[in-house]
N, C-alpha and C. Protein backbone atom coordinates (compact mmCIF):
# COMPACT_ATOMS: atom_id res chain seq x y z
N TYR A 1 -8.71 -19.37 15.15
CA TYR A 1 -8.46 -19.37 13.73
C TYR A 1 -6.96 -19.22 13.48
N LEU A 2 -6.59 -19.39 12.23
CA LEU A 2 -5.20 -19.21 11.82
C LEU A 2 -5.10 -17.97 10.96
N VAL A 3 -4.00 -17.25 11.08
CA VAL A 3 -3.80 -16.02 10.32
C VAL A 3 -2.51 -16.12 9.52
N PHE A 4 -2.62 -15.77 8.24
CA PHE A 4 -1.46 -15.65 7.37
C PHE A 4 -1.22 -14.15 7.20
N ASP A 5 -0.07 -13.67 7.66
CA ASP A 5 0.28 -12.26 7.52
C ASP A 5 0.87 -12.06 6.14
N LEU A 6 0.20 -11.26 5.33
CA LEU A 6 0.60 -11.05 3.95
C LEU A 6 1.39 -9.76 3.81
N PRO A 7 2.13 -9.60 2.72
CA PRO A 7 3.00 -8.42 2.59
C PRO A 7 2.21 -7.12 2.52
N ASP A 8 2.75 -6.09 3.16
CA ASP A 8 2.12 -4.77 3.12
C ASP A 8 2.39 -4.07 1.79
N VAL A 9 3.57 -4.30 1.23
CA VAL A 9 3.98 -3.62 0.00
C VAL A 9 4.57 -4.66 -0.95
N ALA A 10 4.15 -4.59 -2.19
CA ALA A 10 4.71 -5.49 -3.20
C ALA A 10 5.91 -4.82 -3.87
N ASP A 11 6.89 -5.63 -4.23
CA ASP A 11 8.04 -5.14 -5.00
C ASP A 11 8.50 -6.26 -5.92
N ALA A 12 9.68 -6.11 -6.49
CA ALA A 12 10.17 -7.11 -7.44
C ALA A 12 10.41 -8.47 -6.80
N HIS A 13 10.60 -8.50 -5.48
CA HIS A 13 10.89 -9.77 -4.80
C HIS A 13 9.73 -10.28 -3.97
N THR A 14 8.73 -9.45 -3.75
CA THR A 14 7.60 -9.83 -2.89
C THR A 14 6.30 -9.56 -3.63
N PRO A 15 5.46 -10.58 -3.77
CA PRO A 15 4.19 -10.38 -4.46
C PRO A 15 3.21 -9.59 -3.59
N SER A 16 2.15 -9.09 -4.20
CA SER A 16 1.15 -8.33 -3.46
C SER A 16 0.35 -9.25 -2.53
N ALA A 17 -0.28 -8.66 -1.53
CA ALA A 17 -1.09 -9.42 -0.58
C ALA A 17 -2.21 -10.15 -1.31
N HIS A 18 -2.83 -9.50 -2.29
CA HIS A 18 -3.93 -10.14 -3.02
C HIS A 18 -3.44 -11.32 -3.86
N SER A 19 -2.24 -11.19 -4.43
CA SER A 19 -1.67 -12.30 -5.20
C SER A 19 -1.39 -13.50 -4.31
N VAL A 20 -0.81 -13.24 -3.15
CA VAL A 20 -0.51 -14.33 -2.21
C VAL A 20 -1.81 -14.94 -1.70
N ALA A 21 -2.81 -14.11 -1.39
CA ALA A 21 -4.10 -14.63 -0.91
C ALA A 21 -4.74 -15.53 -1.96
N TYR A 22 -4.70 -15.11 -3.22
CA TYR A 22 -5.27 -15.92 -4.30
C TYR A 22 -4.57 -17.28 -4.38
N LEU A 23 -3.24 -17.27 -4.33
CA LEU A 23 -2.49 -18.52 -4.42
C LEU A 23 -2.69 -19.39 -3.19
N LEU A 24 -2.80 -18.77 -2.02
CA LEU A 24 -3.09 -19.56 -0.82
C LEU A 24 -4.47 -20.21 -0.93
N HIS A 25 -5.44 -19.50 -1.46
CA HIS A 25 -6.77 -20.09 -1.68
C HIS A 25 -6.68 -21.34 -2.54
N ARG A 26 -5.89 -21.28 -3.60
CA ARG A 26 -5.71 -22.46 -4.46
C ARG A 26 -5.12 -23.61 -3.66
N GLU A 27 -4.11 -23.31 -2.84
CA GLU A 27 -3.50 -24.35 -2.01
C GLU A 27 -4.49 -24.88 -0.96
N PHE A 28 -5.27 -23.97 -0.35
CA PHE A 28 -6.29 -24.40 0.63
C PHE A 28 -7.32 -25.30 -0.03
N ASP A 29 -7.75 -24.93 -1.24
CA ASP A 29 -8.74 -25.75 -1.96
C ASP A 29 -8.21 -27.16 -2.20
N ALA A 30 -6.95 -27.25 -2.63
CA ALA A 30 -6.35 -28.56 -2.89
C ALA A 30 -6.24 -29.35 -1.59
N TRP A 31 -5.82 -28.69 -0.51
CA TRP A 31 -5.70 -29.36 0.79
C TRP A 31 -7.08 -29.82 1.26
N SER A 32 -8.07 -28.94 1.15
CA SER A 32 -9.43 -29.26 1.60
C SER A 32 -10.01 -30.44 0.84
N GLU A 33 -9.81 -30.47 -0.46
CA GLU A 33 -10.31 -31.58 -1.27
C GLU A 33 -9.60 -32.88 -0.92
N ARG A 34 -8.29 -32.80 -0.77
CA ARG A 34 -7.49 -33.99 -0.46
C ARG A 34 -7.88 -34.59 0.88
N HIS A 35 -8.18 -33.73 1.87
CA HIS A 35 -8.46 -34.22 3.22
C HIS A 35 -9.93 -34.14 3.60
N GLN A 36 -10.79 -33.75 2.66
CA GLN A 36 -12.23 -33.66 2.89
C GLN A 36 -12.55 -32.85 4.15
N THR A 37 -11.93 -31.68 4.25
CA THR A 37 -12.10 -30.80 5.41
C THR A 37 -12.51 -29.41 4.92
N PRO A 38 -13.72 -28.98 5.24
CA PRO A 38 -14.16 -27.65 4.78
C PRO A 38 -13.47 -26.53 5.55
N TYR A 39 -13.44 -25.37 4.92
CA TYR A 39 -12.84 -24.19 5.55
C TYR A 39 -13.50 -22.94 4.99
N LYS A 40 -13.26 -21.83 5.65
CA LYS A 40 -13.67 -20.51 5.17
C LYS A 40 -12.46 -19.60 5.33
N THR A 41 -12.45 -18.51 4.59
CA THR A 41 -11.39 -17.52 4.76
C THR A 41 -12.01 -16.13 4.87
N LYS A 42 -11.23 -15.25 5.45
CA LYS A 42 -11.61 -13.85 5.53
C LYS A 42 -10.34 -13.04 5.32
N PHE A 43 -10.41 -12.09 4.38
CA PHE A 43 -9.26 -11.26 4.08
C PHE A 43 -9.53 -9.86 4.62
N HIS A 44 -8.62 -9.38 5.47
CA HIS A 44 -8.79 -8.05 6.07
C HIS A 44 -7.42 -7.49 6.42
N LYS A 45 -7.14 -6.30 5.90
CA LYS A 45 -5.89 -5.57 6.22
C LYS A 45 -4.65 -6.44 6.06
N ASN A 46 -4.49 -7.00 4.89
CA ASN A 46 -3.32 -7.82 4.56
C ASN A 46 -3.14 -9.02 5.47
N ARG A 47 -4.23 -9.51 5.98
CA ARG A 47 -4.21 -10.74 6.77
C ARG A 47 -5.29 -11.66 6.22
N LEU A 48 -4.92 -12.91 6.04
CA LEU A 48 -5.86 -13.90 5.56
C LEU A 48 -6.15 -14.86 6.71
N ARG A 49 -7.40 -14.86 7.15
CA ARG A 49 -7.80 -15.76 8.23
C ARG A 49 -8.30 -17.06 7.63
N LEU A 50 -7.86 -18.16 8.20
CA LEU A 50 -8.34 -19.48 7.82
C LEU A 50 -9.21 -19.97 8.96
N ILE A 51 -10.47 -20.22 8.65
CA ILE A 51 -11.45 -20.58 9.68
C ILE A 51 -11.96 -21.98 9.39
N MET A 52 -11.93 -22.82 10.42
CA MET A 52 -12.38 -24.20 10.29
C MET A 52 -13.43 -24.51 11.34
N GLU A 53 -14.05 -25.67 11.21
CA GLU A 53 -15.18 -26.01 12.07
C GLU A 53 -14.79 -26.47 13.47
N SER A 54 -13.68 -27.16 13.59
CA SER A 54 -13.35 -27.70 14.92
C SER A 54 -11.87 -27.52 15.24
N GLU A 55 -11.56 -27.64 16.50
CA GLU A 55 -10.18 -27.54 16.95
C GLU A 55 -9.32 -28.64 16.33
N MET A 56 -9.90 -29.81 16.16
CA MET A 56 -9.16 -30.92 15.56
C MET A 56 -8.81 -30.62 14.10
N ASP A 57 -9.68 -29.90 13.39
CA ASP A 57 -9.36 -29.52 12.01
C ASP A 57 -8.14 -28.63 11.96
N TYR A 58 -8.04 -27.70 12.91
CA TYR A 58 -6.87 -26.82 12.97
C TYR A 58 -5.60 -27.62 13.23
N LYS A 59 -5.68 -28.52 14.18
CA LYS A 59 -4.50 -29.33 14.50
C LYS A 59 -4.08 -30.15 13.30
N PHE A 60 -5.07 -30.76 12.64
CA PHE A 60 -4.74 -31.57 11.47
C PHE A 60 -4.14 -30.71 10.36
N PHE A 61 -4.69 -29.52 10.16
CA PHE A 61 -4.14 -28.62 9.15
C PHE A 61 -2.68 -28.31 9.45
N LEU A 62 -2.39 -27.97 10.70
CA LEU A 62 -1.03 -27.58 11.06
C LEU A 62 -0.01 -28.71 10.86
N ILE A 63 -0.43 -29.95 11.09
CA ILE A 63 0.53 -31.04 10.91
C ILE A 63 0.59 -31.52 9.46
N SER A 64 -0.44 -31.23 8.66
CA SER A 64 -0.44 -31.74 7.29
C SER A 64 -0.19 -30.66 6.24
N TRP A 65 -0.19 -29.39 6.63
CA TRP A 65 0.02 -28.29 5.69
C TRP A 65 1.45 -28.32 5.19
N ASN A 66 1.61 -28.51 3.90
CA ASN A 66 2.92 -28.58 3.28
C ASN A 66 2.89 -27.69 2.05
N PRO A 67 2.99 -26.37 2.25
CA PRO A 67 2.82 -25.44 1.13
C PRO A 67 3.96 -25.51 0.14
N ASN A 68 3.64 -25.17 -1.08
CA ASN A 68 4.62 -25.14 -2.15
C ASN A 68 5.03 -23.69 -2.39
N PRO A 69 6.25 -23.29 -2.05
CA PRO A 69 6.66 -21.90 -2.24
C PRO A 69 6.78 -21.50 -3.70
N SER A 70 6.87 -22.45 -4.61
CA SER A 70 7.00 -22.15 -6.04
C SER A 70 5.63 -22.22 -6.71
N LEU A 71 4.77 -21.28 -6.36
CA LEU A 71 3.41 -21.31 -6.87
C LEU A 71 3.23 -20.53 -8.16
N GLY A 72 4.30 -19.97 -8.70
CA GLY A 72 4.23 -19.28 -9.97
C GLY A 72 3.54 -17.93 -9.90
N ILE A 73 4.20 -16.95 -9.32
CA ILE A 73 3.64 -15.62 -9.16
C ILE A 73 4.20 -14.73 -10.26
N SER A 74 3.32 -14.21 -11.10
CA SER A 74 3.80 -13.32 -12.15
C SER A 74 4.14 -11.96 -11.57
N GLY A 75 5.09 -11.29 -12.18
CA GLY A 75 5.47 -9.96 -11.75
C GLY A 75 6.51 -9.91 -10.65
N THR A 76 7.05 -11.05 -10.24
CA THR A 76 8.12 -11.06 -9.25
C THR A 76 9.36 -11.68 -9.89
N SER A 77 10.50 -11.33 -9.38
CA SER A 77 11.74 -11.83 -9.98
C SER A 77 12.01 -13.28 -9.61
N THR A 78 11.47 -13.75 -8.50
CA THR A 78 11.79 -15.10 -8.06
C THR A 78 10.69 -16.11 -8.33
N ASN A 79 9.47 -15.65 -8.57
CA ASN A 79 8.32 -16.53 -8.77
C ASN A 79 8.10 -17.50 -7.62
N THR A 80 8.50 -17.11 -6.44
CA THR A 80 8.22 -17.92 -5.25
C THR A 80 7.66 -17.03 -4.16
N ILE A 81 6.96 -17.64 -3.25
CA ILE A 81 6.44 -16.93 -2.08
C ILE A 81 7.41 -17.18 -0.93
N PRO A 82 7.88 -16.14 -0.24
CA PRO A 82 8.74 -16.36 0.91
C PRO A 82 8.05 -17.29 1.93
N MET A 83 8.78 -18.23 2.46
CA MET A 83 8.19 -19.23 3.36
C MET A 83 7.51 -18.61 4.57
N ASP A 84 7.99 -17.45 5.06
CA ASP A 84 7.34 -16.86 6.23
C ASP A 84 5.91 -16.43 5.92
N LEU A 85 5.58 -16.20 4.65
CA LEU A 85 4.21 -15.86 4.28
C LEU A 85 3.31 -17.09 4.21
N LEU A 86 3.91 -18.27 4.16
CA LEU A 86 3.16 -19.51 4.05
C LEU A 86 2.91 -20.18 5.39
N MET A 87 3.45 -19.62 6.45
CA MET A 87 3.29 -20.19 7.77
C MET A 87 2.30 -19.35 8.59
N PRO A 88 1.24 -19.96 9.08
CA PRO A 88 0.22 -19.19 9.80
C PRO A 88 0.59 -18.94 11.26
N ARG A 89 -0.06 -17.92 11.82
CA ARG A 89 -0.04 -17.69 13.27
C ARG A 89 -1.34 -18.25 13.82
N ILE A 90 -1.28 -18.78 15.03
CA ILE A 90 -2.48 -19.28 15.69
C ILE A 90 -3.05 -18.14 16.53
N VAL A 91 -4.33 -17.86 16.33
CA VAL A 91 -5.02 -16.83 17.10
C VAL A 91 -6.17 -17.51 17.83
N GLU A 92 -6.15 -17.43 19.12
CA GLU A 92 -7.22 -18.04 19.91
C GLU A 92 -8.29 -17.00 20.20
N THR A 93 -9.53 -17.40 20.02
CA THR A 93 -10.63 -16.50 20.34
C THR A 93 -11.09 -16.79 21.76
N PRO A 94 -11.54 -15.78 22.48
CA PRO A 94 -12.00 -16.01 23.84
C PRO A 94 -13.24 -16.89 23.87
N LYS A 95 -13.29 -17.79 24.80
CA LYS A 95 -14.45 -18.67 24.94
C LYS A 95 -15.39 -18.08 25.97
N HIS A 96 -16.66 -18.05 25.63
CA HIS A 96 -17.66 -17.46 26.53
C HIS A 96 -18.33 -18.51 27.37
């Protein structure tokens, strides 16, 4: 799966983890509809997991994901999401 590490603390320059997760969901929905690729998410301890059906879906996501940092976040001075929050980490699960 892919993991988006969200901010631990919100301030004037960084939105809350829940705000970023909500906006990422909107972006995921748009991506999923555009590419007809289903996904699931799981939010736990300021990390948003993106779960897909196949390895090829992950690869396609990584090459086609083009997030918009100006997603309009209220309550922040910049109204943008820092790009490091929009880039996922790849987490491999052990195969049995």
